[in-house]
Amino acid sequence: MTDVSLPNLSSDGCPGVDAPDHRGRTGLHLAGRDLDRNPGVRIRDVELTSQGWHVLRRTTFDYRRRDGRWETQQRETYDRGNGAVVLPYDTERGRVLLTRQFRYPAYVNGHPDGMLIEAAAGLLDEQDPYTAIRRESAEELGIRLGELVPVLDAYMSPGSVTERLHFFAAPYTPADRTGAGGGVEEEGEDIEVLELPFAEALAMTRDGRITDGKTIMLLQWAALSGPFAPGQDFPGT
């Protein structure tokens, strides 16, 4: 196993490797080096190729194919941490709370204006998923959630992004409003809060007005086996 080497190293070391980066992190090149849970994968090297707010790595590993042959592969992984997402619902009024905000990656990849309708979500930032999603709901939606219902965990783009997303649903009422929402301006957030009839939100997943994967998954779950499915018993129903 060889050590990572990056261009433009100063005498003070490589930021993120053996010297603190702008977020005070070191050892970013070590992630995954000690993985041994799969006997058909042997990690050879991990290179730190970019570190901004999140981290891009290139990993070289030996992989044993199904026919027994070993081959060396490389994969780039984008590490942004894990996250949580929630669908607040009000079954009495038949409504859900969603957000709308500008997403440049969608805009540059064909979305008409980059304004995506989504379920409220955010990174865990070293909190547990329950605490993190209550924080995000207060910041983005201006709402105090009722009992959190765990729905599922999923890797949303496992070919390149390490993030595991924790999905929740939670009841709310108009009396649970704590503020205007809108996100944290200092972090560049400018989020519009949308309260929509559930039937309309579900229809939007079919006609292309909602194209965000996590939101589509939560709305489909709510219709098939969640709070808006016939005969289901959930908090607030």
C-alpha atoms as a PDB file:
ATOM      1  CA  MET A   1       0.000   0.000   0.000  1.00  0.00           C
ATOM      2  CA  THR A   2       1.416   3.370  -1.024  1.00  0.00           C
ATOM      3  CA  ASP A   3       0.913   6.709   0.643  1.00  0.00           C
ATOM      4  CA  VAL A   4      -1.231   9.341  -1.035  1.00  0.00           C
ATOM      5  CA  SER A   5       0.679  12.093  -2.845  1.00  0.00           C
ATOM      6  CA  LEU A   6      -0.925  15.280  -4.068  1.00  0.00           C
ATOM      7  CA  PRO A   7       0.513  18.151  -6.107  1.00  0.00           C
ATOM      8  CA  ASN A   8       1.328  21.539  -4.660  1.00  0.00           C
ATOM      9  CA  LEU A   9       2.238  20.344  -1.194  1.00  0.00           C
ATOM     10  CA  SER A  10       3.645  22.985   1.129  1.00  0.00           C
ATOM     11  CA  SER A  11       6.263  22.497   3.806  1.00  0.00           C
ATOM     12  CA  ASP A  12       3.397  22.481   6.290  1.00  0.00           C
ATOM     13  CA  GLY A  13       1.974  19.276   4.788  1.00  0.00           C
ATOM     14  CA  CYS A  14      -1.061  18.401   2.713  1.00  0.00           C
ATOM     15  CA  PRO A  15      -4.352  19.940   3.908  1.00  0.00           C
ATOM     16  CA  GLY A  16      -6.791  17.211   4.852  1.00  0.00           C
ATOM     17  CA  VAL A  17      -4.059  14.570   5.002  1.00  0.00           C
ATOM     18  CA  ASP A  18      -1.367  15.437   7.554  1.00  0.00           C
ATOM     19  CA  ALA A  19      -2.326  19.085   8.070  1.00  0.00           C
ATOM     20  CA  PRO A  20      -5.770  20.491   8.976  1.00  0.00           C
ATOM     21  CA  ASP A  21      -7.876  21.630   6.030  1.00  0.00           C
ATOM     22  CA  HIS A  22     -10.257  24.627   6.142  1.00  0.00           C
ATOM     23  CA  ARG A  23     -12.656  22.581   8.303  1.00  0.00           C
ATOM     24  CA  GLY A  24      -9.912  21.329  10.648  1.00  0.00           C
ATOM     25  CA  ARG A  25      -9.889  17.807   9.215  1.00  0.00           C
ATOM     26  CA  THR A  26      -6.896  15.487   8.808  1.00  0.00           C
ATOM     27  CA  GLY A  27      -6.571  11.865   7.734  1.00  0.00           C
ATOM     28  CA  LEU A  28      -9.123  12.202   4.950  1.00  0.00           C
ATOM     29  CA  HIS A  29      -7.072   9.782   2.832  1.00  0.00           C
ATOM     30  CA  LEU A  30      -7.543   6.986   5.378  1.00  0.00           C
ATOM     31  CA  ALA A  31     -11.248   6.314   4.760  1.00  0.00           C
ATOM     32  CA  GLY A  32     -11.782   2.747   3.601  1.00  0.00           C
ATOM     33  CA  ARG A  33      -8.174   1.593   3.912  1.00  0.00           C
ATOM     34  CA  ASP A  34      -8.982  -0.908   6.679  1.00  0.00           C
ATOM     35  CA  LEU A  35     -12.141  -2.365   5.122  1.00  0.00           C
ATOM     36  CA  ASP A  36     -12.119  -6.174   5.260  1.00  0.00           C
ATOM     37  CA  ARG A  37     -15.792  -7.170   5.516  1.00  0.00           C
ATOM     38  CA  ASN A  38     -15.849  -8.515   1.958  1.00  0.00           C
ATOM     39  CA  PRO A  39     -13.141 -11.165   1.307  1.00  0.00           C
ATOM     40  CA  GLY A  40     -13.544 -10.510  -2.402  1.00  0.00           C
ATOM     41  CA  VAL A  41     -12.315  -6.910  -2.090  1.00  0.00           C
ATOM     42  CA  ARG A  42      -8.774  -5.848  -1.118  1.00  0.00           C
ATOM     43  CA  ILE A  43      -8.128  -2.121  -0.729  1.00  0.00           C
ATOM     44  CA  ARG A  44      -4.746  -1.134  -2.191  1.00  0.00           C
ATOM     45  CA  ASP A  45      -4.679   2.673  -2.065  1.00  0.00           C
ATOM     46  CA  VAL A  46      -6.850   5.695  -1.288  1.00  0.00           C
ATOM     47  CA  GLU A  47      -6.016   9.090  -2.815  1.00  0.00           C
ATOM     48  CA  LEU A  48      -7.514  12.392  -1.762  1.00  0.00           C
ATOM     49  CA  THR A  49      -8.221  14.117  -5.087  1.00  0.00           C
ATOM     50  CA  SER A  50     -10.262  17.085  -3.883  1.00  0.00           C
ATOM     51  CA  GLN A  51     -11.543  18.499  -0.623  1.00  0.00           C
ATOM     52  CA  GLY A  52     -13.949  21.380  -0.469  1.00  0.00           C
ATOM     53  CA  TRP A  53     -16.872  21.284   1.890  1.00  0.00           C
ATOM     54  CA  HIS A  54     -17.125  17.601   0.985  1.00  0.00           C
ATOM     55  CA  VAL A  55     -14.445  15.119  -0.112  1.00  0.00           C
ATOM     56  CA  LEU A  56     -13.602  13.351  -3.375  1.00  0.00           C
ATOM     57  CA  ARG A  57     -11.401  10.243  -3.199  1.00  0.00           C
ATOM     58  CA  ARG A  58      -9.985   7.795  -5.727  1.00  0.00           C
ATOM     59  CA  THR A  59      -9.671   4.252  -4.378  1.00  0.00           C
ATOM     60  CA  THR A  60      -7.690   1.447  -6.002  1.00  0.00           C
ATOM     61  CA  PHE A  61      -8.748  -2.066  -5.022  1.00  0.00           C
ATOM     62  CA  ASP A  62      -8.531  -5.661  -6.145  1.00  0.00           C
ATOM     63  CA  TYR A  63     -11.893  -7.268  -6.887  1.00  0.00           C
ATOM     64  CA  ARG A  64     -12.553 -11.001  -7.230  1.00  0.00           C
ATOM     65  CA  ARG A  65     -15.020 -11.650 -10.026  1.00  0.00           C
ATOM     66  CA  ARG A  66     -17.685 -14.336  -9.830  1.00  0.00           C
ATOM     67  CA  ASP A  67     -15.527 -16.682 -11.928  1.00  0.00           C
ATOM     68  CA  GLY A  68     -12.706 -16.370  -9.354  1.00  0.00           C
ATOM     69  CA  ARG A  69     -10.406 -14.074 -11.330  1.00  0.00           C
ATOM     70  CA  TRP A  70      -8.930 -11.052  -9.541  1.00  0.00           C
ATOM     71  CA  GLU A  71      -8.755  -7.683 -11.270  1.00  0.00           C
ATOM     72  CA  THR A  72      -7.639  -4.233 -10.160  1.00  0.00           C
ATOM     73  CA  GLN A  73     -10.239  -1.466 -10.329  1.00  0.00           C
ATOM     74  CA  GLN A  74     -10.434   2.213  -9.428  1.00  0.00           C
ATOM     75  CA  ARG A  75     -13.507   4.091  -8.224  1.00  0.00           C
ATOM     76  CA  GLU A  76     -14.061   7.722  -7.288  1.00  0.00           C
ATOM     77  CA  THR A  77     -16.322   8.358  -4.311  1.00  0.00           C
ATOM     78  CA  TYR A  78     -17.915  11.618  -3.262  1.00  0.00           C
ATOM     79  CA  ASP A  79     -18.262  11.775   0.515  1.00  0.00           C
ATOM     80  CA  ARG A  80     -20.731  14.376   1.741  1.00  0.00           C
ATOM     81  CA  GLY A  81     -21.764  12.564   4.914  1.00  0.00           C
ATOM     82  CA  ASN A  82     -25.109  10.909   5.595  1.00  0.00           C
ATOM     83  CA  GLY A  83     -28.457  12.677   5.621  1.00  0.00           C
ATOM     84  CA  ALA A  84     -32.110  12.532   6.602  1.00  0.00           C
ATOM     85  CA  VAL A  85     -35.356  13.476   4.862  1.00  0.00           C
ATOM     86  CA  VAL A  86     -38.926  13.801   6.124  1.00  0.00           C
ATOM     87  CA  LEU A  87     -42.456  13.971   4.756  1.00  0.00           C
ATOM     88  CA  PRO A  88     -44.669  15.928   7.194  1.00  0.00           C
ATOM     89  CA  TYR A  89     -48.334  14.962   6.730  1.00  0.00           C
ATOM     90  CA  ASP A  90     -51.716  16.167   7.934  1.00  0.00           C
ATOM     91  CA  THR A  91     -54.256  13.440   7.221  1.00  0.00           C
ATOM     92  CA  GLU A  92     -57.178  15.427   8.638  1.00  0.00           C
ATOM     93  CA  ARG A  93     -56.712  18.108   5.996  1.00  0.00           C
ATOM     94  CA  GLY A  94     -55.133  15.763   3.429  1.00  0.00           C
ATOM     95  CA  ARG A  95     -51.962  17.803   3.087  1.00  0.00           C
ATOM     96  CA  VAL A  96     -48.177  17.453   3.048  1.00  0.00           C
ATOM     97  CA  LEU A  97     -45.365  19.963   3.511  1.00  0.00           C
ATOM     98  CA  LEU A  98     -42.690  20.225   0.818  1.00  0.00           C
ATOM     99  CA  THR A  99     -40.073  22.776  -0.216  1.00  0.00           C
ATOM    100  CA  ARG A 100     -38.969  24.501  -3.410  1.00  0.00           C
ATOM    101  CA  GLN A 101     -35.412  25.694  -3.939  1.00  0.00           C
ATOM    102  CA  PHE A 102     -32.817  26.230  -6.658  1.00  0.00           C
ATOM    103  CA  ARG A 103     -30.576  23.251  -7.390  1.00  0.00           C
ATOM    104  CA  TYR A 104     -27.716  24.103  -9.732  1.00  0.00           C
ATOM    105  CA  PRO A 105     -26.743  20.468 -10.536  1.00  0.00           C
ATOM    106  CA  ALA A 106     -30.284  19.844 -11.820  1.00  0.00           C
ATOM    107  CA  TYR A 107     -30.284  23.168 -13.682  1.00  0.00           C
ATOM    108  CA  VAL A 108     -27.036  22.405 -15.501  1.00  0.00           C
ATOM    109  CA  ASN A 109     -28.329  18.921 -16.383  1.00  0.00           C
ATOM    110  CA  GLY A 110     -31.510  19.842 -18.220  1.00  0.00           C
ATOM    111  CA  HIS A 111     -34.022  20.982 -15.601  1.00  0.00           C
ATOM    112  CA  PRO A 112     -35.901  24.005 -17.018  1.00  0.00           C
ATOM    113  CA  ASP A 113     -35.174  26.435 -14.193  1.00  0.00           C
ATOM    114  CA  GLY A 114     -33.466  24.400 -11.470  1.00  0.00           C
ATOM    115  CA  MET A 115     -36.290  25.046  -8.995  1.00  0.00           C
ATOM    116  CA  LEU A 116     -36.952  21.618  -7.505  1.00  0.00           C
ATOM    117  CA  ILE A 117     -39.862  20.627  -5.293  1.00  0.00           C
ATOM    118  CA  GLU A 118     -38.542  18.372  -2.540  1.00  0.00           C
ATOM    119  CA  ALA A 119     -39.166  16.908   0.875  1.00  0.00           C
ATOM    120  CA  ALA A 120     -37.199  18.742   3.578  1.00  0.00           C
ATOM    121  CA  ALA A 121     -33.778  17.153   4.043  1.00  0.00           C
ATOM    122  CA  GLY A 122     -30.275  17.820   5.268  1.00  0.00           C
ATOM    123  CA  LEU A 123     -26.984  16.311   6.333  1.00  0.00           C
ATOM    124  CA  LEU A 124     -26.659  14.785   9.790  1.00  0.00           C
ATOM    125  CA  ASP A 125     -23.636  16.941  10.703  1.00  0.00           C
ATOM    126  CA  GLU A 126     -22.616  14.463  13.437  1.00  0.00           C
ATOM    127  CA  GLN A 127     -26.128  14.348  14.929  1.00  0.00           C
ATOM    128  CA  ASP A 128     -28.330  11.265  15.000  1.00  0.00           C
ATOM    129  CA  PRO A 129     -30.944  11.108  12.192  1.00  0.00           C
ATOM    130  CA  TYR A 130     -33.875  11.922  14.497  1.00  0.00           C
ATOM    131  CA  THR A 131     -32.241  15.041  15.905  1.00  0.00           C
ATOM    132  CA  ALA A 132     -30.966  16.156  12.506  1.00  0.00           C
ATOM    133  CA  ILE A 133     -34.318  15.950  10.736  1.00  0.00           C
ATOM    134  CA  ARG A 134     -36.074  17.860  13.517  1.00  0.00           C
ATOM    135  CA  ARG A 135     -33.410  20.549  13.108  1.00  0.00           C
ATOM    136  CA  GLU A 136     -33.915  20.672   9.351  1.00  0.00           C
ATOM    137  CA  SER A 137     -37.702  20.810   9.698  1.00  0.00           C
ATOM    138  CA  ALA A 138     -37.454  23.791  12.017  1.00  0.00           C
ATOM    139  CA  GLU A 139     -34.985  25.582   9.709  1.00  0.00           C
ATOM    140  CA  GLU A 140     -36.541  24.787   6.343  1.00  0.00           C
ATOM    141  CA  LEU A 141     -40.240  24.425   7.148  1.00  0.00           C
ATOM    142  CA  GLY A 142     -40.688  26.390  10.367  1.00  0.00           C
ATOM    143  CA  ILE A 143     -42.559  23.442  11.854  1.00  0.00           C
ATOM    144  CA  ARG A 144     -42.361  21.322  15.011  1.00  0.00           C
ATOM    145  CA  LEU A 145     -42.842  17.710  13.956  1.00  0.00           C
ATOM    146  CA  GLY A 146     -44.930  15.151  15.769  1.00  0.00           C
ATOM    147  CA  GLU A 147     -43.818  11.558  16.279  1.00  0.00           C
ATOM    148  CA  LEU A 148     -41.208  10.554  13.713  1.00  0.00           C
ATOM    149  CA  VAL A 149     -42.050   7.408  11.739  1.00  0.00           C
ATOM    150  CA  PRO A 150     -38.951   5.650  10.310  1.00  0.00           C
ATOM    151  CA  VAL A 151     -39.663   4.644   6.715  1.00  0.00           C
ATOM    152  CA  LEU A 152     -36.430   3.264   5.225  1.00  0.00           C
ATOM    153  CA  ASP A 153     -32.732   3.894   4.675  1.00  0.00           C
ATOM    154  CA  ALA A 154     -31.303   4.054   1.154  1.00  0.00           C
ATOM    155  CA  TYR A 155     -28.130   4.764  -0.786  1.00  0.00           C
ATOM    156  CA  MET A 156     -29.350   7.271  -3.352  1.00  0.00           C
ATOM    157  CA  SER A 157     -26.467   7.148  -5.849  1.00  0.00           C
ATOM    158  CA  PRO A 158     -24.296   4.180  -4.824  1.00  0.00           C
ATOM    159  CA  GLY A 159     -22.165   4.236  -7.948  1.00  0.00           C
ATOM    160  CA  SER A 160     -20.303   7.322  -6.785  1.00  0.00           C
ATOM    161  CA  VAL A 161     -21.827   8.982  -3.687  1.00  0.00           C
ATOM    162  CA  THR A 162     -21.297   7.448  -0.252  1.00  0.00           C
ATOM    163  CA  GLU A 163     -24.332   9.119   1.365  1.00  0.00           C
ATOM    164  CA  ARG A 164     -26.921   6.970   3.116  1.00  0.00           C
ATOM    165  CA  LEU A 165     -30.241   8.755   3.514  1.00  0.00           C
ATOM    166  CA  HIS A 166     -32.599   8.108   6.451  1.00  0.00           C
ATOM    167  CA  PHE A 167     -36.263   8.515   5.439  1.00  0.00           C
ATOM    168  CA  PHE A 168     -38.945   9.631   7.911  1.00  0.00           C
ATOM    169  CA  ALA A 169     -42.543  10.756   7.980  1.00  0.00           C
ATOM    170  CA  ALA A 170     -44.191  12.736  10.766  1.00  0.00           C
ATOM    171  CA  PRO A 171     -47.602  14.245  11.502  1.00  0.00           C
ATOM    172  CA  TYR A 172     -48.107  17.985  11.854  1.00  0.00           C
ATOM    173  CA  THR A 173     -50.976  20.419  12.319  1.00  0.00           C
ATOM    174  CA  PRO A 174     -51.256  24.171  11.649  1.00  0.00           C
ATOM    175  CA  ALA A 175     -50.714  24.703  15.387  1.00  0.00           C
ATOM    176  CA  ASP A 176     -47.213  23.208  15.060  1.00  0.00           C
ATOM    177  CA  ARG A 177     -45.950  26.192  13.090  1.00  0.00           C
ATOM    178  CA  THR A 178     -42.935  27.764  14.848  1.00  0.00           C
ATOM    179  CA  GLY A 179     -41.713  30.198  12.215  1.00  0.00           C
ATOM    180  CA  ALA A 180     -41.565  31.070   8.536  1.00  0.00           C
ATOM    181  CA  GLY A 181     -38.937  28.477   7.616  1.00  0.00           C
ATOM    182  CA  GLY A 182     -36.896  29.226   4.532  1.00  0.00           C
ATOM    183  CA  GLY A 183     -33.568  27.744   5.621  1.00  0.00           C
ATOM    184  CA  VAL A 184     -30.410  29.362   6.925  1.00  0.00           C
ATOM    185  CA  GLU A 185     -29.564  32.467   4.894  1.00  0.00           C
ATOM    186  CA  GLU A 186     -25.915  32.413   6.010  1.00  0.00           C
ATOM    187  CA  GLU A 187     -25.597  29.012   4.322  1.00  0.00           C
ATOM    188  CA  GLY A 188     -27.027  30.344   1.063  1.00  0.00           C
ATOM    189  CA  GLU A 189     -30.452  28.759   1.559  1.00  0.00           C
ATOM    190  CA  ASP A 190     -33.538  30.432   0.092  1.00  0.00           C
ATOM    191  CA  ILE A 191     -36.300  27.859   0.542  1.00  0.00           C
ATOM    192  CA  GLU A 192     -39.987  28.282  -0.224  1.00  0.00           C
ATOM    193  CA  VAL A 193     -42.384  26.247   1.924  1.00  0.00           C
ATOM    194  CA  LEU A 194     -45.193  24.515   0.016  1.00  0.00           C
ATOM    195  CA  GLU A 195     -48.264  23.042   1.672  1.00  0.00           C
ATOM    196  CA  LEU A 196     -49.970  20.883  -0.923  1.00  0.00           C
ATOM    197  CA  PRO A 197     -52.946  18.524  -1.068  1.00  0.00           C
ATOM    198  CA  PHE A 198     -51.486  15.034  -0.963  1.00  0.00           C
ATOM    199  CA  ALA A 199     -53.365  13.987  -4.119  1.00  0.00           C
ATOM    200  CA  GLU A 200     -51.848  16.905  -6.018  1.00  0.00           C
ATOM    201  CA  ALA A 201     -48.339  16.193  -4.760  1.00  0.00           C
ATOM    202  CA  LEU A 202     -48.693  12.563  -5.838  1.00  0.00           C
ATOM    203  CA  ALA A 203     -49.933  13.642  -9.266  1.00  0.00           C
ATOM    204  CA  MET A 204     -46.901  15.916  -9.594  1.00  0.00           C
ATOM    205  CA  THR A 205     -44.625  12.866  -9.428  1.00  0.00           C
ATOM    206  CA  ARG A 206     -46.399  11.509 -12.513  1.00  0.00           C
ATOM    207  CA  ASP A 207     -46.459  14.625 -14.678  1.00  0.00           C
ATOM    208  CA  GLY A 208     -42.871  15.703 -14.055  1.00  0.00           C
ATOM    209  CA  ARG A 209     -43.406  18.635 -11.722  1.00  0.00           C
ATOM    210  CA  ILE A 210     -41.694  16.635  -8.960  1.00  0.00           C
ATOM    211  CA  THR A 211     -38.509  14.959 -10.200  1.00  0.00           C
ATOM    212  CA  ASP A 212     -36.545  14.599  -6.945  1.00  0.00           C
ATOM    213  CA  GLY A 213     -35.933  10.944  -6.140  1.00  0.00           C
ATOM    214  CA  LYS A 214     -36.236  11.032  -2.353  1.00  0.00           C
ATOM    215  CA  THR A 215     -39.491  12.988  -2.568  1.00  0.00           C
ATOM    216  CA  ILE A 216     -41.003  10.595  -5.102  1.00  0.00           C
ATOM    217  CA  MET A 217     -40.089   7.661  -2.850  1.00  0.00           C
ATOM    218  CA  LEU A 218     -41.754   9.212   0.211  1.00  0.00           C
ATOM    219  CA  LEU A 219     -44.917  10.205  -1.638  1.00  0.00           C
ATOM    220  CA  GLN A 220     -45.269   6.748  -3.192  1.00  0.00           C
ATOM    221  CA  TRP A 221     -44.718   5.154   0.220  1.00  0.00           C
ATOM    222  CA  ALA A 222     -47.359   7.440   1.764  1.00  0.00           C
ATOM    223  CA  ALA A 223     -49.865   6.356  -0.891  1.00  0.00           C
ATOM    224  CA  LEU A 224     -49.097   2.638  -0.850  1.00  0.00           C
ATOM    225  CA  SER A 225     -48.434   1.822   2.804  1.00  0.00           C
ATOM    226  CA  GLY A 226     -48.133   5.122   4.667  1.00  0.00           C
ATOM    227  CA  PRO A 227     -50.607   7.554   6.227  1.00  0.00           C
ATOM    228  CA  PHE A 228     -52.671   8.038   3.047  1.00  0.00           C
ATOM    229  CA  ALA A 229     -53.023   4.319   2.275  1.00  0.00           C
ATOM    230  CA  PRO A 230     -56.440   2.799   3.097  1.00  0.00           C
ATOM    231  CA  GLY A 231     -56.586   1.097   6.480  1.00  0.00           C
ATOM    232  CA  GLN A 232     -53.195   2.246   7.716  1.00  0.00           C
ATOM    233  CA  ASP A 233     -52.686   3.321  11.318  1.00  0.00           C
ATOM    234  CA  PHE A 234     -50.065   6.016  11.746  1.00  0.00           C
ATOM    235  CA  PRO A 235     -49.540   8.814  14.266  1.00  0.00           C
ATOM    236  CA  GLY A 236     -51.932  11.628  13.488  1.00  0.00           C
ATOM    237  CA  THR A 237     -54.322   9.488  11.451  1.00  0.00           C
END
